[in-house]
Protein backbone atom coordinates (compact mmCIF):
# COMPACT_ATOMS: atom_id res chain seq x y z
CA UNK A 1 44.25 -92.00 73.68
CA UNK A 2 43.36 -93.02 77.70
CA UNK A 3 46.36 -94.94 78.90
CA UNK A 4 45.16 -98.58 80.69
CA UNK A 5 45.42 -98.48 84.45
CA UNK A 6 48.38 -99.83 85.02
CA UNK A 7 50.41 -97.95 82.85
CA UNK A 8 49.05 -94.92 84.73
CA UNK A 9 50.00 -96.53 87.74
CA UNK A 10 54.07 -97.98 86.58
CA UNK A 11 53.92 -93.62 85.81
CA UNK A 12 53.01 -92.26 88.38
CA UNK A 13 55.16 -95.10 90.58
CA UNK A 14 57.89 -93.61 88.29
CA UNK A 15 57.65 -90.22 89.28
CA UNK A 16 58.18 -91.43 92.88
CA UNK A 17 60.89 -92.82 91.96
CA UNK A 18 62.38 -89.56 90.02
CA UNK A 19 61.62 -87.84 93.25
CA UNK A 20 63.18 -90.06 95.39
CA UNK A 21 66.37 -90.32 94.08
CA UNK A 22 66.64 -85.96 93.79
CA UNK A 23 65.73 -86.17 97.39
CA UNK A 24 69.00 -88.80 97.98
CA UNK A 25 70.81 -86.85 96.17
CA UNK A 26 69.81 -83.70 97.90
CA UNK A 27 70.39 -85.39 100.85
CA UNK A 28 73.84 -86.63 99.97
CA UNK A 29 75.30 -83.68 98.73
CA UNK A 30 74.40 -82.31 102.14
CA UNK A 31 76.20 -84.55 103.47
CA UNK A 32 79.20 -84.09 101.31
CA UNK A 33 79.19 -80.53 102.44
CA UNK A 34 79.00 -81.11 106.09
CA UNK A 35 81.59 -83.53 105.62
CA UNK A 36 83.93 -81.29 103.53
CA UNK A 37 84.03 -79.09 106.13
CA UNK A 38 84.44 -80.95 109.14
CA UNK A 39 87.65 -82.06 107.23
CA UNK A 40 88.85 -78.13 106.76
CA UNK A 41 87.83 -77.41 110.10
CA UNK A 42 90.13 -80.01 111.73
CA UNK A 43 93.19 -79.15 109.12
CA UNK A 44 92.77 -75.32 109.81
CA UNK A 45 93.06 -76.55 113.40
CA UNK A 46 96.22 -77.92 113.43
CA UNK A 47 97.63 -74.71 113.21
CA UNK A 48 95.98 -73.46 116.58
CA UNK A 49 98.46 -73.94 119.28
CA UNK A 50 97.95 -75.89 122.20
CA UNK A 51 97.13 -73.62 124.88
CA UNK A 52 94.74 -70.88 122.28
CA UNK A 53 91.35 -70.96 123.74
CA UNK A 54 88.55 -73.02 121.16
CA UNK A 55 84.86 -73.12 121.44
CA UNK A 56 82.70 -75.58 120.61
CA UNK A 57 78.76 -75.40 119.86
CA UNK A 58 76.85 -77.09 122.63
CA UNK A 59 72.77 -76.63 121.32
CA UNK A 60 72.85 -73.05 120.54
CA UNK A 61 75.16 -71.84 122.80
CA UNK A 62 79.18 -71.40 122.41
CA UNK A 63 81.21 -73.09 125.23
CA UNK A 64 84.92 -72.80 125.84
CA UNK A 65 87.01 -76.30 125.40
CA UNK A 66 88.19 -77.98 127.78
CA UNK A 67 91.23 -78.73 125.58
CA UNK A 68 92.27 -78.65 121.52
CA UNK A 69 92.06 -82.65 121.96
CA UNK A 70 88.45 -82.48 122.68
CA UNK A 71 87.48 -80.56 119.90
CA UNK A 72 89.24 -82.55 117.60
CA UNK A 73 88.08 -85.63 119.08
CA UNK A 74 84.71 -84.23 118.34
CA UNK A 75 85.36 -83.20 115.05
CA UNK A 76 87.12 -86.67 114.02
CA UNK A 77 84.17 -88.89 115.16
CA UNK A 78 81.69 -86.62 113.25
CA UNK A 79 84.07 -86.91 110.23
CA UNK A 80 83.68 -90.63 110.79
CA UNK A 81 80.37 -90.58 111.73
CA UNK A 82 79.63 -87.98 108.13
CA UNK A 83 81.45 -89.95 106.51
CA UNK A 84 79.16 -93.27 106.94
CA UNK A 85 76.21 -91.65 106.14
CA UNK A 86 77.66 -90.14 102.67
CA UNK A 87 78.66 -94.10 101.76
CA UNK A 88 74.82 -94.86 102.56
CA UNK A 89 73.36 -92.01 100.82
CA UNK A 90 75.52 -93.01 97.59
CA UNK A 91 74.90 -96.69 97.36
CA UNK A 92 71.03 -95.46 98.19
CA UNK A 93 71.22 -93.38 95.18
CA UNK A 94 73.33 -95.79 92.84
CA UNK A 95 69.75 -97.79 93.46
CA UNK A 96 67.51 -96.01 93.14
CA UNK A 97 69.61 -94.55 89.62
CA UNK A 98 69.77 -98.30 88.98
CA UNK A 99 65.32 -98.59 88.85
CA UNK A 100 65.37 -95.71 87.25
CA UNK A 101 67.36 -96.27 84.31
CA UNK A 102 65.52 -99.61 84.25
CA UNK A 103 61.83 -98.30 84.75
CA UNK A 104 62.61 -96.23 81.99
CA UNK A 105 63.56 -98.20 79.15
CA UNK A 106 60.36 -100.48 80.22
CA UNK A 107 57.31 -97.70 80.56
CA UNK A 108 59.50 -96.50 77.17
CA UNK A 109 58.62 -100.02 76.22
CA UNK A 110 55.07 -100.01 77.48
CA UNK A 111 53.91 -96.37 76.26
CA UNK A 112 55.68 -97.99 72.87
CA UNK A 113 52.95 -101.29 72.93
CA UNK A 114 49.98 -98.89 73.81
CA UNK A 115 50.34 -96.67 70.54
CA UNK A 116 51.91 -93.50 72.57
CA UNK A 117 54.81 -92.29 71.14
CA UNK A 118 58.05 -91.30 73.76
CA UNK A 119 59.87 -89.35 71.43
CA UNK A 120 60.49 -85.90 70.76
CA UNK A 121 59.98 -84.35 73.93
CA UNK A 122 62.48 -85.65 76.89
CA UNK A 123 65.47 -85.48 76.42
CA UNK A 124 68.68 -88.31 75.36
CA UNK A 125 71.46 -89.65 78.07
């Protein structure tokens, strides 16, 4: 049985939405990992003596920092930026999840109306 063109188009949009949702989740996980790593580095830095030599990456090089405070300031700024990015990605992911759920129901209803079975192959959840 051939599906109507609109339904085929809706299914393609749904697949694109699935990909967008997957990409957003992956980006959020990567940013969250960087955030945790930066937070951990800041915590570890607190235990380093002020006079200790500390190096920080600049491009592909490690350069001696002027002071521990310089590195702490840089890491704190990075942490704040990452927190904002993680929150923005969480909002994007939640918005995509809402669209996904809505579109999934609409497609299921449309497929049933077209006489296509939507049970059996998928998972519930």
